[in-house]
Amino acid sequence: MSTEKHGRGVIASLYVHADLIKRGYQVFTEDTGQGLIDLVAVHLTTGETRYIDVKCISRRANGTMVNRPLKENQKQFEESSGLTIEFVYADTETYEIRYPTRRNKTKKIAA
């Protein structure tokens, strides 16, 4: 992996982290660079928990956005835990953040 690609990914993750805080979430980060998810966000009012994998927006030569599927180990995590990993796309050039429509797999965890 190139340093430039890694750097863009770190920047994208920081943008999303800051945006989630502005939206009322407490955000926990992945610290090894090798995790299944990048962020865990817990809404301070509602208690909603989101498991987020941040993706830096990439575009094809024709300008269309490249969408990435879940990796096999992420699918296995979802199946075994019953939780949903959300892809959040961040553009490091325009500062745009896209929160895709959520899949209906999330289950509430009792405290």
N, C-alpha and C. Protein backbone atom coordinates (compact mmCIF):
# COMPACT_ATOMS: atom_id res chain seq x y z
N MET A 1 0.86 -1.17 0.00
CA MET A 1 0.00 0.00 0.00
C MET A 1 0.90 1.23 0.00
N SER A 2 0.60 2.17 -0.85
CA SER A 2 1.43 3.37 -0.92
C SER A 2 1.14 4.28 0.26
N THR A 3 2.13 5.09 0.61
CA THR A 3 1.97 6.05 1.70
C THR A 3 0.88 7.05 1.35
N GLU A 4 0.83 7.47 0.08
CA GLU A 4 -0.19 8.43 -0.33
C GLU A 4 -1.59 7.86 -0.11
N LYS A 5 -1.80 6.60 -0.48
CA LYS A 5 -3.11 5.97 -0.31
C LYS A 5 -3.44 5.86 1.18
N HIS A 6 -2.46 5.45 1.98
CA HIS A 6 -2.67 5.33 3.42
C HIS A 6 -2.99 6.70 4.02
N GLY A 7 -2.25 7.72 3.61
CA GLY A 7 -2.48 9.07 4.11
C GLY A 7 -3.87 9.58 3.80
N ARG A 8 -4.35 9.31 2.59
CA ARG A 8 -5.71 9.72 2.22
C ARG A 8 -6.73 9.00 3.09
N GLY A 9 -6.49 7.74 3.38
CA GLY A 9 -7.40 6.97 4.23
C GLY A 9 -7.46 7.51 5.64
N VAL A 10 -6.32 7.91 6.17
CA VAL A 10 -6.27 8.49 7.52
C VAL A 10 -7.03 9.81 7.54
N ILE A 11 -6.81 10.64 6.53
CA ILE A 11 -7.51 11.92 6.44
C ILE A 11 -9.01 11.71 6.35
N ALA A 12 -9.43 10.77 5.51
CA ALA A 12 -10.87 10.47 5.36
C ALA A 12 -11.46 10.04 6.70
N SER A 13 -10.76 9.19 7.43
CA SER A 13 -11.24 8.71 8.72
C SER A 13 -11.37 9.87 9.71
N LEU A 14 -10.43 10.78 9.69
CA LEU A 14 -10.49 11.94 10.59
C LEU A 14 -11.68 12.85 10.25
N TYR A 15 -11.97 13.04 8.96
CA TYR A 15 -13.13 13.84 8.55
C TYR A 15 -14.42 13.23 9.10
N VAL A 16 -14.56 11.92 8.91
CA VAL A 16 -15.77 11.23 9.36
C VAL A 16 -15.85 11.29 10.89
N HIS A 17 -14.74 11.07 11.56
CA HIS A 17 -14.69 11.13 13.02
C HIS A 17 -15.22 12.49 13.50
N ALA A 18 -14.71 13.57 12.94
CA ALA A 18 -15.14 14.92 13.34
C ALA A 18 -16.61 15.15 13.03
N ASP A 19 -17.08 14.67 11.88
CA ASP A 19 -18.48 14.86 11.49
C ASP A 19 -19.42 14.12 12.45
N LEU A 20 -19.04 12.92 12.84
CA LEU A 20 -19.88 12.16 13.78
C LEU A 20 -19.96 12.86 15.14
N ILE A 21 -18.85 13.44 15.58
CA ILE A 21 -18.88 14.19 16.85
C ILE A 21 -19.85 15.36 16.73
N LYS A 22 -19.81 16.08 15.60
CA LYS A 22 -20.75 17.19 15.39
C LYS A 22 -22.19 16.72 15.38
N ARG A 23 -22.42 15.46 14.99
CA ARG A 23 -23.78 14.90 14.94
C ARG A 23 -24.22 14.30 16.28
N GLY A 24 -23.40 14.45 17.31
CA GLY A 24 -23.81 14.00 18.65
C GLY A 24 -23.32 12.63 19.06
N TYR A 25 -22.33 12.09 18.37
CA TYR A 25 -21.81 10.76 18.70
C TYR A 25 -20.51 10.87 19.49
N GLN A 26 -20.29 9.90 20.37
CA GLN A 26 -18.97 9.70 20.94
C GLN A 26 -18.32 8.66 20.03
N VAL A 27 -17.09 8.91 19.62
CA VAL A 27 -16.46 8.08 18.60
C VAL A 27 -15.21 7.40 19.16
N PHE A 28 -15.13 6.10 18.91
CA PHE A 28 -13.98 5.30 19.32
C PHE A 28 -13.26 4.84 18.07
N THR A 29 -11.93 4.93 18.08
CA THR A 29 -11.16 4.61 16.87
C THR A 29 -10.46 3.27 16.99
N GLU A 30 -10.19 2.68 15.86
CA GLU A 30 -9.41 1.46 15.73
C GLU A 30 -7.95 1.89 15.80
N ASP A 31 -7.12 1.17 16.53
CA ASP A 31 -5.77 1.68 16.76
C ASP A 31 -4.63 0.89 16.12
N THR A 32 -4.92 -0.16 15.37
CA THR A 32 -3.83 -0.93 14.78
C THR A 32 -3.69 -0.75 13.28
N GLY A 33 -4.69 -0.16 12.64
CA GLY A 33 -4.64 -0.02 11.19
C GLY A 33 -5.01 -1.29 10.45
N GLN A 34 -5.39 -2.32 11.18
CA GLN A 34 -5.67 -3.62 10.56
C GLN A 34 -7.05 -4.16 10.92
N GLY A 35 -7.89 -3.36 11.54
CA GLY A 35 -9.16 -3.86 12.04
C GLY A 35 -10.23 -4.03 10.98
N LEU A 36 -11.31 -4.69 11.38
CA LEU A 36 -12.46 -4.89 10.49
C LEU A 36 -13.24 -3.61 10.29
N ILE A 37 -13.18 -2.73 11.28
CA ILE A 37 -13.88 -1.45 11.21
C ILE A 37 -12.92 -0.36 11.66
N ASP A 38 -13.23 0.89 11.27
CA ASP A 38 -12.39 2.02 11.63
C ASP A 38 -12.90 2.77 12.85
N LEU A 39 -14.22 2.86 12.97
CA LEU A 39 -14.81 3.66 14.04
C LEU A 39 -16.02 2.96 14.64
N VAL A 40 -16.20 3.15 15.94
CA VAL A 40 -17.45 2.77 16.60
C VAL A 40 -18.01 4.09 17.14
N ALA A 41 -19.23 4.41 16.76
CA ALA A 41 -19.85 5.66 17.17
C ALA A 41 -21.10 5.37 17.98
N VAL A 42 -21.19 5.99 19.16
CA VAL A 42 -22.34 5.83 20.04
C VAL A 42 -22.99 7.19 20.21
N HIS A 43 -24.28 7.29 19.83
CA HIS A 43 -24.99 8.56 19.96
C HIS A 43 -25.23 8.84 21.44
N LEU A 44 -24.85 10.03 21.89
CA LEU A 44 -24.91 10.36 23.31
C LEU A 44 -26.32 10.50 23.85
N THR A 45 -27.30 10.78 22.97
CA THR A 45 -28.68 10.93 23.42
C THR A 45 -29.48 9.64 23.26
N THR A 46 -29.37 9.02 22.08
CA THR A 46 -30.21 7.86 21.78
C THR A 46 -29.56 6.52 22.13
N GLY A 47 -28.23 6.50 22.26
CA GLY A 47 -27.53 5.25 22.51
C GLY A 47 -27.30 4.41 21.27
N GLU A 48 -27.75 4.92 20.11
CA GLU A 48 -27.53 4.18 18.85
C GLU A 48 -26.04 3.95 18.65
N THR A 49 -25.68 2.71 18.29
CA THR A 49 -24.28 2.36 18.05
C THR A 49 -24.10 2.02 16.58
N ARG A 50 -23.06 2.60 15.99
CA ARG A 50 -22.77 2.38 14.57
C ARG A 50 -21.34 1.87 14.44
N TYR A 51 -21.17 0.87 13.59
CA TYR A 51 -19.87 0.26 13.33
C TYR A 51 -19.48 0.67 11.92
N ILE A 52 -18.42 1.47 11.79
CA ILE A 52 -18.16 2.16 10.53
C ILE A 52 -16.79 1.79 9.96
N ASP A 53 -16.80 1.50 8.66
CA ASP A 53 -15.57 1.33 7.89
C ASP A 53 -15.52 2.52 6.95
N VAL A 54 -14.52 3.38 7.12
CA VAL A 54 -14.41 4.59 6.30
C VAL A 54 -13.68 4.25 5.01
N LYS A 55 -14.24 4.72 3.90
CA LYS A 55 -13.62 4.54 2.60
C LYS A 55 -13.40 5.90 1.97
N CYS A 56 -12.22 6.09 1.42
CA CYS A 56 -11.91 7.31 0.70
C CYS A 56 -12.56 7.19 -0.68
N ILE A 57 -13.30 8.22 -1.08
CA ILE A 57 -13.99 8.16 -2.37
C ILE A 57 -12.97 8.07 -3.49
N SER A 58 -13.17 7.09 -4.36
CA SER A 58 -12.37 6.92 -5.57
C SER A 58 -13.31 6.98 -6.76
N ARG A 59 -12.81 7.51 -7.85
CA ARG A 59 -13.64 7.61 -9.06
C ARG A 59 -12.93 6.97 -10.24
N ARG A 60 -13.75 6.40 -11.12
CA ARG A 60 -13.23 5.85 -12.37
C ARG A 60 -12.91 7.01 -13.32
N ALA A 61 -12.28 6.67 -14.43
CA ALA A 61 -11.92 7.69 -15.43
C ALA A 61 -13.14 8.46 -15.92
N ASN A 62 -14.33 7.79 -15.95
CA ASN A 62 -15.54 8.47 -16.43
C ASN A 62 -16.23 9.28 -15.32
N GLY A 63 -15.65 9.30 -14.11
CA GLY A 63 -16.18 10.11 -13.03
C GLY A 63 -17.12 9.38 -12.08
N THR A 64 -17.53 8.16 -12.41
CA THR A 64 -18.44 7.44 -11.51
C THR A 64 -17.67 6.94 -10.29
N MET A 65 -18.39 6.86 -9.17
CA MET A 65 -17.77 6.46 -7.91
C MET A 65 -17.56 4.95 -7.86
N VAL A 66 -16.42 4.56 -7.31
CA VAL A 66 -16.12 3.14 -7.10
C VAL A 66 -16.72 2.74 -5.76
N ASN A 67 -17.61 1.76 -5.77
CA ASN A 67 -18.19 1.22 -4.53
C ASN A 67 -17.47 -0.07 -4.17
N ARG A 68 -17.25 -0.26 -2.90
CA ARG A 68 -16.53 -1.45 -2.47
C ARG A 68 -17.45 -2.37 -1.68
N PRO A 69 -17.37 -3.66 -1.93
CA PRO A 69 -18.18 -4.62 -1.14
C PRO A 69 -17.50 -4.93 0.18
N LEU A 70 -18.26 -5.52 1.10
CA LEU A 70 -17.67 -5.99 2.34
C LEU A 70 -16.63 -7.06 2.03
N LYS A 71 -15.56 -7.07 2.80
CA LYS A 71 -14.57 -8.14 2.68
C LYS A 71 -15.14 -9.38 3.35
N GLU A 72 -14.59 -10.53 3.01
CA GLU A 72 -15.09 -11.79 3.54
C GLU A 72 -15.05 -11.82 5.08
N ASN A 73 -13.97 -11.32 5.67
CA ASN A 73 -13.88 -11.35 7.14
C ASN A 73 -14.90 -10.40 7.77
N GLN A 74 -15.25 -9.32 7.07
CA GLN A 74 -16.29 -8.42 7.58
C GLN A 74 -17.66 -9.10 7.52
N LYS A 75 -17.92 -9.84 6.45
CA LYS A 75 -19.18 -10.59 6.34
C LYS A 75 -19.28 -11.62 7.46
N GLN A 76 -18.18 -12.31 7.74
CA GLN A 76 -18.18 -13.31 8.81
C GLN A 76 -18.44 -12.65 10.16
N PHE A 77 -17.84 -11.48 10.38
CA PHE A 77 -18.07 -10.74 11.62
C PHE A 77 -19.55 -10.39 11.76
N GLU A 78 -20.16 -9.90 10.69
CA GLU A 78 -21.58 -9.55 10.73
C GLU A 78 -22.44 -10.77 11.05
N GLU A 79 -22.15 -11.88 10.39
CA GLU A 79 -22.93 -13.10 10.60
C GLU A 79 -22.79 -13.61 12.03
N SER A 80 -21.59 -13.60 12.56
CA SER A 80 -21.38 -14.16 13.90
C SER A 80 -21.85 -13.21 15.01
N SER A 81 -21.80 -11.90 14.77
CA SER A 81 -22.15 -10.95 15.82
C SER A 81 -23.58 -10.42 15.72
N GLY A 82 -24.15 -10.49 14.50
CA GLY A 82 -25.47 -9.91 14.29
C GLY A 82 -25.43 -8.40 14.13
N LEU A 83 -24.24 -7.81 14.06
CA LEU A 83 -24.07 -6.37 13.90
C LEU A 83 -23.89 -6.02 12.43
N THR A 84 -24.02 -4.74 12.10
CA THR A 84 -23.89 -4.29 10.72
C THR A 84 -22.73 -3.32 10.60
N ILE A 85 -21.87 -3.56 9.63
CA ILE A 85 -20.79 -2.64 9.32
C ILE A 85 -21.28 -1.70 8.23
N GLU A 86 -21.14 -0.40 8.47
CA GLU A 86 -21.53 0.60 7.48
C GLU A 86 -20.30 1.15 6.79
N PHE A 87 -20.36 1.27 5.46
CA PHE A 87 -19.32 1.98 4.74
C PHE A 87 -19.71 3.45 4.69
N VAL A 88 -18.81 4.31 5.10
CA VAL A 88 -19.01 5.75 4.98
C VAL A 88 -17.91 6.25 4.06
N TYR A 89 -18.31 6.96 3.01
CA TYR A 89 -17.37 7.43 2.01
C TYR A 89 -17.02 8.89 2.26
N ALA A 90 -15.71 9.22 2.25
CA ALA A 90 -15.25 10.59 2.44
C ALA A 90 -14.35 10.98 1.28
N ASP A 91 -14.57 12.18 0.76
CA ASP A 91 -13.77 12.72 -0.33
C ASP A 91 -12.75 13.67 0.27
N THR A 92 -11.47 13.34 0.17
CA THR A 92 -10.43 14.16 0.79
C THR A 92 -10.14 15.43 0.01
N GLU A 93 -10.71 15.57 -1.18
CA GLU A 93 -10.49 16.79 -1.97
C GLU A 93 -11.64 17.78 -1.80
N THR A 94 -12.88 17.28 -1.71
CA THR A 94 -14.04 18.18 -1.63
C THR A 94 -14.62 18.25 -0.21
N TYR A 95 -14.13 17.41 0.70
CA TYR A 95 -14.60 17.31 2.08
C TYR A 95 -16.03 16.76 2.17
N GLU A 96 -16.51 16.16 1.11
CA GLU A 96 -17.85 15.57 1.11
C GLU A 96 -17.81 14.25 1.87
N ILE A 97 -18.85 14.01 2.67
CA ILE A 97 -18.99 12.74 3.38
C ILE A 97 -20.33 12.15 2.99
N ARG A 98 -20.33 10.88 2.60
CA ARG A 98 -21.56 10.19 2.21
C ARG A 98 -21.85 9.07 3.19
N TYR A 99 -23.02 9.18 3.81
CA TYR A 99 -23.50 8.12 4.69
C TYR A 99 -24.54 7.34 3.89
N PRO A 100 -24.17 6.18 3.36
CA PRO A 100 -25.14 5.40 2.57
C PRO A 100 -26.34 4.98 3.39
N THR A 101 -27.42 4.67 2.69
CA THR A 101 -28.61 4.16 3.36
C THR A 101 -28.21 2.93 4.15
N ARG A 102 -28.65 2.86 5.38
CA ARG A 102 -28.24 1.76 6.25
C ARG A 102 -28.98 0.48 5.91
N ARG A 103 -28.24 -0.62 6.00
CA ARG A 103 -28.85 -1.93 5.79
C ARG A 103 -29.60 -2.30 7.04
N ASN A 104 -30.64 -3.09 6.93
CA ASN A 104 -31.51 -3.43 8.08
C ASN A 104 -31.02 -4.64 8.85
N LYS A 105 -29.77 -4.64 9.26
CA LYS A 105 -29.24 -5.79 9.97
C LYS A 105 -28.89 -5.46 11.41
N THR A 106 -28.86 -4.19 11.76
CA THR A 106 -28.41 -3.78 13.08
C THR A 106 -29.34 -4.28 14.17
N LYS A 107 -28.74 -4.81 15.23
CA LYS A 107 -29.56 -5.20 16.37
C LYS A 107 -29.09 -4.39 17.56
N LYS A 108 -29.99 -4.12 18.46
CA LYS A 108 -29.67 -3.32 19.63
C LYS A 108 -29.02 -4.23 20.67
N ILE A 109 -27.96 -3.74 21.27
CA ILE A 109 -27.25 -4.51 22.29
C ILE A 109 -27.68 -3.99 23.65
N ALA A 110 -28.08 -4.90 24.52
CA ALA A 110 -28.49 -4.52 25.87
C ALA A 110 -27.28 -4.05 26.66
N ALA A 111 -27.49 -3.04 27.47
CA ALA A 111 -26.38 -2.49 28.27
C ALA A 111 -26.10 -3.34 29.49
